[in-house]
N, C-alpha and C. Protein backbone atom coordinates (compact mmCIF):
# COMPACT_ATOMS: atom_id res chain seq x y z
N UNK A 1 125.11 147.84 90.90
CA UNK A 1 124.88 146.14 90.98
C UNK A 1 123.22 146.34 90.51
N UNK A 2 124.02 145.33 89.37
CA UNK A 2 122.46 144.87 88.57
C UNK A 2 120.99 144.54 89.29
N UNK A 3 120.12 145.28 88.85
CA UNK A 3 119.42 144.23 90.28
C UNK A 3 119.33 143.31 89.81
N UNK A 4 118.67 142.47 88.47
CA UNK A 4 118.86 141.12 87.66
C UNK A 4 120.44 140.22 88.37
N UNK A 5 121.06 140.86 89.27
CA UNK A 5 122.11 140.47 90.09
C UNK A 5 121.09 139.18 90.97
N UNK A 6 121.02 140.42 91.29
CA UNK A 6 119.98 139.78 93.16
C UNK A 6 119.06 139.35 92.86
N UNK A 7 117.98 138.97 91.05
CA UNK A 7 116.76 138.76 91.04
C UNK A 7 117.38 137.27 91.17
N UNK A 8 118.53 137.25 90.16
CA UNK A 8 119.51 135.64 89.72
C UNK A 8 119.45 135.22 90.74
N UNK A 9 120.37 135.29 91.63
CA UNK A 9 120.69 135.22 93.00
C UNK A 9 119.80 134.80 93.84
N UNK A 10 118.58 135.47 94.51
CA UNK A 10 118.01 134.80 94.87
C UNK A 10 116.72 134.13 94.49
N UNK A 11 116.91 134.28 92.62
CA UNK A 11 116.16 132.27 92.39
C UNK A 11 117.42 131.39 92.98
N UNK A 12 118.47 131.47 92.78
CA UNK A 12 119.68 130.40 93.04
C UNK A 12 119.77 130.09 94.39
N UNK A 13 119.55 131.16 95.42
CA UNK A 13 119.71 130.81 96.14
C UNK A 13 118.02 129.62 97.06
N UNK A 14 117.01 130.23 96.22
CA UNK A 14 115.41 129.39 96.84
C UNK A 14 115.83 128.12 95.78
N UNK A 15 116.68 127.93 94.93
CA UNK A 15 116.40 127.07 94.07
C UNK A 15 117.78 126.07 95.26
N UNK A 16 118.41 126.29 94.98
CA UNK A 16 119.07 125.71 96.64
C UNK A 16 118.48 125.00 96.96
N UNK A 17 117.54 125.65 98.09
CA UNK A 17 116.65 125.44 99.15
C UNK A 17 116.45 123.75 99.09
N UNK A 18 115.83 124.02 97.58
CA UNK A 18 115.42 122.71 97.88
C UNK A 18 116.27 121.59 97.67
N UNK A 19 117.64 121.74 97.50
CA UNK A 19 118.06 120.52 97.39
C UNK A 19 119.03 120.45 99.01
N UNK A 20 118.92 122.08 99.43
CA UNK A 20 119.82 121.66 100.86
C UNK A 20 118.72 121.15 102.02
N UNK A 21 119.05 120.68 102.85
CA UNK A 21 117.88 120.33 104.12
C UNK A 21 117.44 121.24 104.88
N UNK A 22 117.99 122.00 104.81
CA UNK A 22 117.55 123.48 106.08
C UNK A 22 116.73 124.78 104.87
N UNK A 23 116.46 125.59 106.24
CA UNK A 23 115.43 126.71 105.24
C UNK A 23 115.83 128.31 105.65
N UNK A 24 116.79 128.19 105.41
CA UNK A 24 117.65 129.15 105.67
C UNK A 24 117.41 129.81 104.11
N UNK A 25 118.17 129.29 103.45
CA UNK A 25 119.22 130.02 101.96
C UNK A 25 117.13 130.59 100.92
N UNK A 26 116.29 129.94 101.58
CA UNK A 26 114.61 130.57 101.37
C UNK A 26 114.76 131.77 101.36
N UNK A 27 115.15 132.40 102.62
CA UNK A 27 114.41 133.56 103.05
C UNK A 27 115.53 134.62 102.99
N UNK A 28 116.84 134.13 102.61
CA UNK A 28 117.66 134.85 101.75
C UNK A 28 117.68 134.91 100.54
N UNK A 29 117.03 134.16 99.82
CA UNK A 29 116.54 133.71 98.35
C UNK A 29 115.94 135.13 98.70
N UNK A 30 114.53 135.05 98.83
CA UNK A 30 113.76 136.11 98.84
C UNK A 30 114.04 137.82 99.62
N UNK A 31 114.93 137.52 100.33
CA UNK A 31 114.91 139.13 100.74
C UNK A 31 116.29 139.34 99.43
N UNK A 32 117.17 138.75 98.98
CA UNK A 32 117.50 138.98 97.46
C UNK A 32 116.65 139.25 96.12
N UNK A 33 115.81 138.33 95.70
CA UNK A 33 114.23 139.16 94.94
C UNK A 33 113.85 140.64 95.42
N UNK A 34 113.70 140.42 96.82
CA UNK A 34 113.27 142.21 97.52
C UNK A 34 113.90 143.06 97.00
N UNK A 35 115.09 142.61 97.33
CA UNK A 35 116.29 144.02 97.00
C UNK A 35 116.14 143.81 95.08
N UNK A 36 116.25 142.81 94.52
CA UNK A 36 116.43 143.06 92.95
C UNK A 36 115.22 143.94 93.06
N UNK A 37 113.99 143.82 92.74
CA UNK A 37 112.39 144.08 92.41
C UNK A 37 112.54 145.92 93.35
N UNK A 38 112.86 146.44 94.39
CA UNK A 38 113.03 147.69 94.97
C UNK A 38 113.95 148.27 93.23
N UNK A 39 115.50 147.84 93.08
CA UNK A 39 116.89 148.11 92.40
C UNK A 39 115.64 148.31 91.38
N UNK A 40 115.06 148.28 91.03
CA UNK A 40 114.37 147.97 89.16
C UNK A 40 113.70 148.90 89.69
N UNK A 41 112.75 149.02 90.81
CA UNK A 41 111.99 150.07 90.58
C UNK A 41 112.76 151.70 90.96
N UNK A 42 114.18 151.16 91.57
CA UNK A 42 114.78 153.14 91.83
C UNK A 42 115.92 152.44 91.19
N UNK A 43 116.25 152.32 89.79
CA UNK A 43 117.71 152.71 89.71
C UNK A 43 119.12 153.41 89.94
N UNK A 44 118.73 154.45 90.54
CA UNK A 44 119.62 155.23 91.10
C UNK A 44 120.53 154.75 92.90
N UNK A 45 119.82 154.03 93.15
CA UNK A 45 119.63 153.08 93.94
C UNK A 45 121.45 152.41 93.77
N UNK A 46 122.16 153.45 95.22
CA UNK A 46 123.68 152.87 95.27
C UNK A 46 123.69 151.42 95.79
N UNK A 47 124.73 150.69 95.50
CA UNK A 47 125.43 149.62 96.74
C UNK A 47 125.09 149.32 97.34
N UNK A 48 125.92 150.32 98.67
CA UNK A 48 125.74 150.71 99.74
C UNK A 48 124.13 150.51 100.09
N UNK A 49 123.47 151.37 99.66
CA UNK A 49 121.72 150.99 99.66
C UNK A 49 120.91 150.15 99.76
N UNK A 50 121.45 149.34 97.69
CA UNK A 50 121.00 147.49 98.29
C UNK A 50 121.31 146.78 99.42
N UNK A 51 122.53 146.59 99.33
CA UNK A 51 123.02 146.31 100.44
C UNK A 51 122.93 145.74 102.31
N UNK A 52 122.05 147.39 101.97
CA UNK A 52 121.04 147.71 103.48
C UNK A 52 120.17 147.17 103.00
N UNK A 53 119.50 147.47 102.03
CA UNK A 53 118.15 147.02 102.24
C UNK A 53 118.10 145.53 101.80
N UNK A 54 118.76 144.87 101.83
CA UNK A 54 119.37 143.19 101.25
C UNK A 54 119.39 142.76 102.68
N UNK A 55 120.39 142.82 103.90
CA UNK A 55 119.83 142.98 104.55
C UNK A 55 118.71 143.26 106.08
N UNK A 56 117.96 144.18 105.23
CA UNK A 56 116.56 144.68 106.16
C UNK A 56 116.13 143.53 105.27
N UNK A 57 115.78 143.42 104.52
CA UNK A 57 114.98 142.23 103.68
C UNK A 57 115.27 141.39 103.78
N UNK A 58 116.55 140.09 104.40
CA UNK A 58 116.28 139.47 105.30
C UNK A 58 116.20 139.08 106.70
N UNK A 59 117.25 140.62 107.52
CA UNK A 59 116.53 140.34 109.31
C UNK A 59 114.70 140.08 109.34
N UNK A 60 114.35 140.52 108.44
CA UNK A 60 112.39 140.71 107.95
C UNK A 60 112.16 139.21 108.27
N UNK A 61 112.93 138.91 106.41
CA UNK A 61 111.85 137.65 106.52
C UNK A 61 112.61 136.24 106.94
N UNK A 62 113.83 136.20 106.88
CA UNK A 62 114.15 135.22 107.77
C UNK A 62 113.14 134.53 109.65
N UNK A 63 112.75 136.13 110.18
CA UNK A 63 112.15 135.41 111.96
C UNK A 63 110.63 135.23 110.91
N UNK A 64 109.95 135.73 110.74
CA UNK A 64 108.87 135.07 110.12
C UNK A 64 108.54 134.44 109.30
N UNK A 65 109.99 134.35 108.28
CA UNK A 65 110.04 132.43 108.05
C UNK A 65 109.85 131.99 109.20
N UNK A 66 110.46 131.54 110.28
CA UNK A 66 110.77 131.02 111.01
C UNK A 66 108.84 130.63 111.65
N UNK A 67 108.66 131.24 112.17
CA UNK A 67 107.44 132.23 112.22
C UNK A 67 106.71 131.03 111.55
N UNK A 68 106.59 131.09 110.73
CA UNK A 68 105.68 130.37 110.50
C UNK A 68 105.77 128.69 109.69
N UNK A 69 107.29 128.20 110.11
CA UNK A 69 107.65 126.52 109.92
C UNK A 69 106.68 126.43 111.23
N UNK A 70 107.09 127.51 112.88
CA UNK A 70 106.84 126.67 113.67
C UNK A 70 105.00 126.97 113.99
N UNK A 71 104.15 127.52 113.21
CA UNK A 71 103.22 127.34 113.45
C UNK A 71 102.52 125.48 112.60
N UNK A 72 103.26 125.90 111.21
CA UNK A 72 103.25 124.13 110.49
C UNK A 72 103.41 123.28 111.54
N UNK A 73 104.43 123.03 112.12
CA UNK A 73 104.93 121.94 113.00
C UNK A 73 104.04 121.71 114.11
N UNK A 74 103.38 122.68 114.31
CA UNK A 74 102.17 123.03 115.30
C UNK A 74 100.80 122.16 115.19
N UNK A 75 100.58 122.72 113.52
CA UNK A 75 99.39 121.92 113.63
C UNK A 75 99.48 120.92 112.06
N UNK A 76 101.42 120.21 112.30
CA UNK A 76 100.87 118.78 111.38
C UNK A 76 100.17 117.95 112.01
N UNK A 77 99.67 117.31 111.90
CA UNK A 77 99.48 115.41 112.29
C UNK A 77 100.67 114.86 113.01
N UNK A 78 100.57 115.31 114.60
CA UNK A 78 101.36 114.12 114.50
C UNK A 78 100.72 112.37 114.79
N UNK A 79 99.73 112.45 114.35
CA UNK A 79 99.61 110.95 114.39
C UNK A 79 99.69 110.70 113.14
N UNK A 80 100.45 110.84 112.20
CA UNK A 80 99.90 110.51 110.51
C UNK A 80 100.11 109.05 110.74
N UNK A 81 101.23 108.26 110.73
CA UNK A 81 102.50 107.79 110.97
C UNK A 81 101.23 106.16 112.26
N UNK A 82 101.24 106.72 113.06
CA UNK A 82 100.44 106.40 114.34
C UNK A 82 98.84 105.80 113.77
N UNK A 83 98.42 104.57 112.93
CA UNK A 83 97.43 104.44 112.94
C UNK A 83 96.33 104.63 113.96
N UNK A 84 96.60 103.40 114.86
CA UNK A 84 96.40 103.28 115.95
C UNK A 84 96.00 104.43 117.17
N UNK A 85 96.28 105.29 117.15
CA UNK A 85 95.97 106.56 117.78
C UNK A 85 94.82 107.83 117.14
N UNK A 86 95.10 107.37 115.98
CA UNK A 86 94.67 108.03 114.62
C UNK A 86 92.68 107.52 115.54
N UNK A 87 93.02 106.20 115.67
CA UNK A 87 91.09 106.00 116.22
C UNK A 87 90.74 106.08 117.64
N UNK A 88 91.82 106.90 118.42
CA UNK A 88 91.79 107.16 119.91
C UNK A 88 89.78 108.22 120.19
N UNK A 89 89.11 107.32 120.80
CA UNK A 89 88.29 108.69 121.15
C UNK A 89 86.32 107.89 119.50
N UNK A 90 86.69 107.30 119.06
CA UNK A 90 86.08 106.40 118.24
C UNK A 90 85.35 105.82 118.93
N UNK A 91 83.98 105.34 118.96
CA UNK A 91 83.29 103.95 119.02
C UNK A 91 82.68 103.11 117.65
N UNK A 92 83.04 101.47 118.32
CA UNK A 92 83.23 100.51 116.97
C UNK A 92 82.54 99.82 117.45
N UNK A 93 82.22 98.55 117.04
CA UNK A 93 81.34 97.38 116.90
C UNK A 93 82.19 95.61 117.71
N UNK A 94 81.98 94.99 118.72
CA UNK A 94 82.94 94.32 118.39
C UNK A 94 82.59 93.56 116.93
N UNK A 95 83.03 92.77 116.80
CA UNK A 95 83.06 91.77 116.13
C UNK A 95 83.43 90.56 116.37
N UNK A 96 84.39 90.35 117.37
CA UNK A 96 84.45 89.12 118.01
C UNK A 96 84.32 89.33 119.87
N UNK A 97 83.72 88.33 120.64
CA UNK A 97 83.45 88.76 122.11
C UNK A 97 85.79 89.06 122.66
N UNK A 98 85.51 89.66 123.90
CA UNK A 98 86.94 89.75 124.46
C UNK A 98 86.26 89.50 125.67
N UNK A 99 87.53 88.23 125.46
CA UNK A 99 87.55 87.16 126.58
C UNK A 99 88.71 87.34 127.60
N UNK A 100 89.14 87.01 128.38
CA UNK A 100 89.94 87.37 129.46
C UNK A 100 91.35 89.03 128.75
N UNK A 101 90.27 89.19 128.54
CA UNK A 101 90.80 90.42 128.13
C UNK A 101 91.50 91.37 126.83
N UNK A 102 90.85 89.64 125.59
CA UNK A 102 90.74 90.78 124.60
C UNK A 102 90.16 89.91 123.27
N UNK A 103 90.18 90.31 122.15
CA UNK A 103 88.93 90.21 120.88
C UNK A 103 89.55 91.57 120.20
N UNK A 104 88.24 90.81 119.19
CA UNK A 104 88.80 91.90 117.54
C UNK A 104 87.37 93.05 117.46
N UNK A 105 87.81 93.41 116.20
CA UNK A 105 87.61 94.06 116.47
C UNK A 105 87.37 94.91 114.84
N UNK A 106 86.70 95.12 114.16
CA UNK A 106 86.69 95.58 112.66
C UNK A 106 86.23 97.32 112.56
N UNK A 107 87.05 97.81 111.67
CA UNK A 107 87.15 99.34 111.76
C UNK A 107 87.29 99.41 110.52
N UNK A 108 86.95 100.02 109.64
CA UNK A 108 87.12 100.21 108.09
C UNK A 108 87.71 98.71 107.51
N UNK A 109 88.55 98.76 107.16
CA UNK A 109 88.58 97.43 105.98
C UNK A 109 89.79 96.73 107.03
N UNK A 110 90.01 97.05 108.49
CA UNK A 110 91.19 96.11 109.10
C UNK A 110 90.67 95.54 110.10
N UNK A 111 91.30 94.55 110.34
CA UNK A 111 90.74 94.28 111.79
C UNK A 111 91.69 94.19 112.99
N UNK A 112 91.48 94.16 113.58
CA UNK A 112 92.17 95.19 115.23
C UNK A 112 91.91 94.20 116.58
N UNK A 113 93.10 93.85 116.55
CA UNK A 113 93.14 93.19 118.72
C UNK A 113 92.65 94.56 119.33
N UNK A 114 91.83 94.19 120.00
CA UNK A 114 91.57 94.77 121.24
C UNK A 114 91.79 94.28 122.69
N UNK A 115 92.11 95.67 123.43
CA UNK A 115 92.27 94.57 125.58
C UNK A 115 91.48 95.83 125.90
N UNK A 116 90.99 94.94 126.54
CA UNK A 116 89.49 95.45 127.73
C UNK A 116 88.42 95.00 128.21
N UNK A 117 88.12 95.19 129.01
CA UNK A 117 87.09 93.83 130.00
C UNK A 117 86.23 93.32 129.52
N UNK A 118 85.59 92.76 129.78
CA UNK A 118 85.04 91.30 128.89
C UNK A 118 83.66 92.11 128.47
N UNK A 119 83.41 91.74 127.60
CA UNK A 119 82.65 92.16 127.08
C UNK A 119 81.87 90.60 125.57
N UNK A 120 80.63 90.72 125.28
CA UNK A 120 80.05 89.72 124.05
C UNK A 120 80.38 90.96 123.07
N UNK A 121 80.29 89.90 121.72
CA UNK A 121 80.74 90.16 120.70
C UNK A 121 79.41 91.03 119.89
N UNK A 122 79.81 92.56 119.31
CA UNK A 122 78.50 93.26 119.56
C UNK A 122 78.10 94.65 120.15
N UNK A 123 78.91 94.68 120.73
CA UNK A 123 78.87 95.16 121.72
C UNK A 123 79.73 96.51 121.30
N UNK A 124 79.11 97.78 122.26
CA UNK A 124 79.79 98.48 121.22
C UNK A 124 80.49 99.49 122.30
N UNK A 125 81.95 99.81 122.18
CA UNK A 125 82.90 99.80 123.23
C UNK A 125 83.65 101.57 122.48
N UNK A 126 84.35 101.83 123.07
CA UNK A 126 85.39 103.44 123.08
C UNK A 126 86.43 103.28 122.58
N UNK A 127 87.40 103.25 121.82
CA UNK A 127 88.59 103.33 121.82
C UNK A 127 89.10 104.71 122.48
N UNK A 128 90.64 104.08 123.68
CA UNK A 128 90.74 105.26 124.59
C UNK A 128 92.82 105.32 124.64
N UNK A 129 93.25 103.32 123.92
CA UNK A 129 94.26 104.36 123.31
C UNK A 129 95.50 103.01 122.31
N UNK A 130 95.98 102.81 122.78
CA UNK A 130 96.78 102.05 121.46
C UNK A 130 98.20 101.49 121.52
N UNK A 131 98.67 100.72 121.45
CA UNK A 131 99.88 99.83 121.49
C UNK A 131 100.44 98.92 119.91
N UNK A 132 100.97 99.52 119.60
CA UNK A 132 101.70 99.00 118.58
C UNK A 132 99.72 97.78 117.93
N UNK A 133 99.45 97.22 117.53
CA UNK A 133 98.35 96.57 116.49
C UNK A 133 97.25 96.73 117.65
N UNK A 134 97.76 96.63 119.16
CA UNK A 134 96.62 96.48 119.83
C UNK A 134 95.57 97.96 119.72
N UNK A 135 94.15 98.09 120.33
CA UNK A 135 93.60 99.09 120.82
C UNK A 135 93.30 98.81 122.11
N UNK A 136 93.44 99.69 122.90
CA UNK A 136 93.08 99.26 123.83
C UNK A 136 91.39 100.14 124.15
N UNK A 137 90.42 99.49 124.67
CA UNK A 137 88.69 99.50 124.79
C UNK A 137 88.06 99.75 126.35
N UNK A 138 86.87 100.24 126.18
CA UNK A 138 85.44 100.53 127.57
C UNK A 138 84.47 100.08 126.82
N UNK A 139 83.81 99.69 127.73
CA UNK A 139 82.00 99.71 126.91
C UNK A 139 81.79 100.77 126.69
N UNK A 140 81.00 101.11 126.21
CA UNK A 140 79.60 101.77 125.78
C UNK A 140 79.20 102.27 126.85
N UNK A 141 78.26 102.83 127.85
CA UNK A 141 77.62 102.65 128.64
C UNK A 141 75.94 102.11 128.23
N UNK A 142 75.73 101.10 128.48
CA UNK A 142 73.96 100.45 127.66
C UNK A 142 73.92 100.83 126.66
N UNK A 143 75.40 99.96 125.94
CA UNK A 143 75.82 100.31 124.70
C UNK A 143 75.45 97.80 124.01
N UNK A 144 75.28 97.66 125.73
CA UNK A 144 76.01 96.24 124.57
C UNK A 144 74.03 95.48 124.35
N UNK A 145 74.94 94.80 123.55
CA UNK A 145 73.16 93.86 122.62
C UNK A 145 72.68 93.02 123.66
């Protein structure tokens, strides 16, 4: 079989990966490309040898690809679209006093509703959690004005 057929098939499979929702065609395509490159370097390879090489390349690339995707999924930011959760742990200053458990704080260019113990405006608070558009806060020791 022509090495160029392996290369073309691999490129087509990799291109189809972009249109498909899965991640399997890419690894099969890489196996075909690897087989085509080896077949170019060793033109005396038989079809059986090429098929065995292709099977081996896919058997190696698919588990490696799954490992890469697992690591990427673990390292991905799980708070990407949950801005309140991104703020947990930050210390900020109250814009509006917390009265009866509710107040306001400015973080960057956004004013957030906060819930926590009653504290005067200007107190330093630490964000400990969030729910919806509200942040949960606690006073920082010795940080009240």
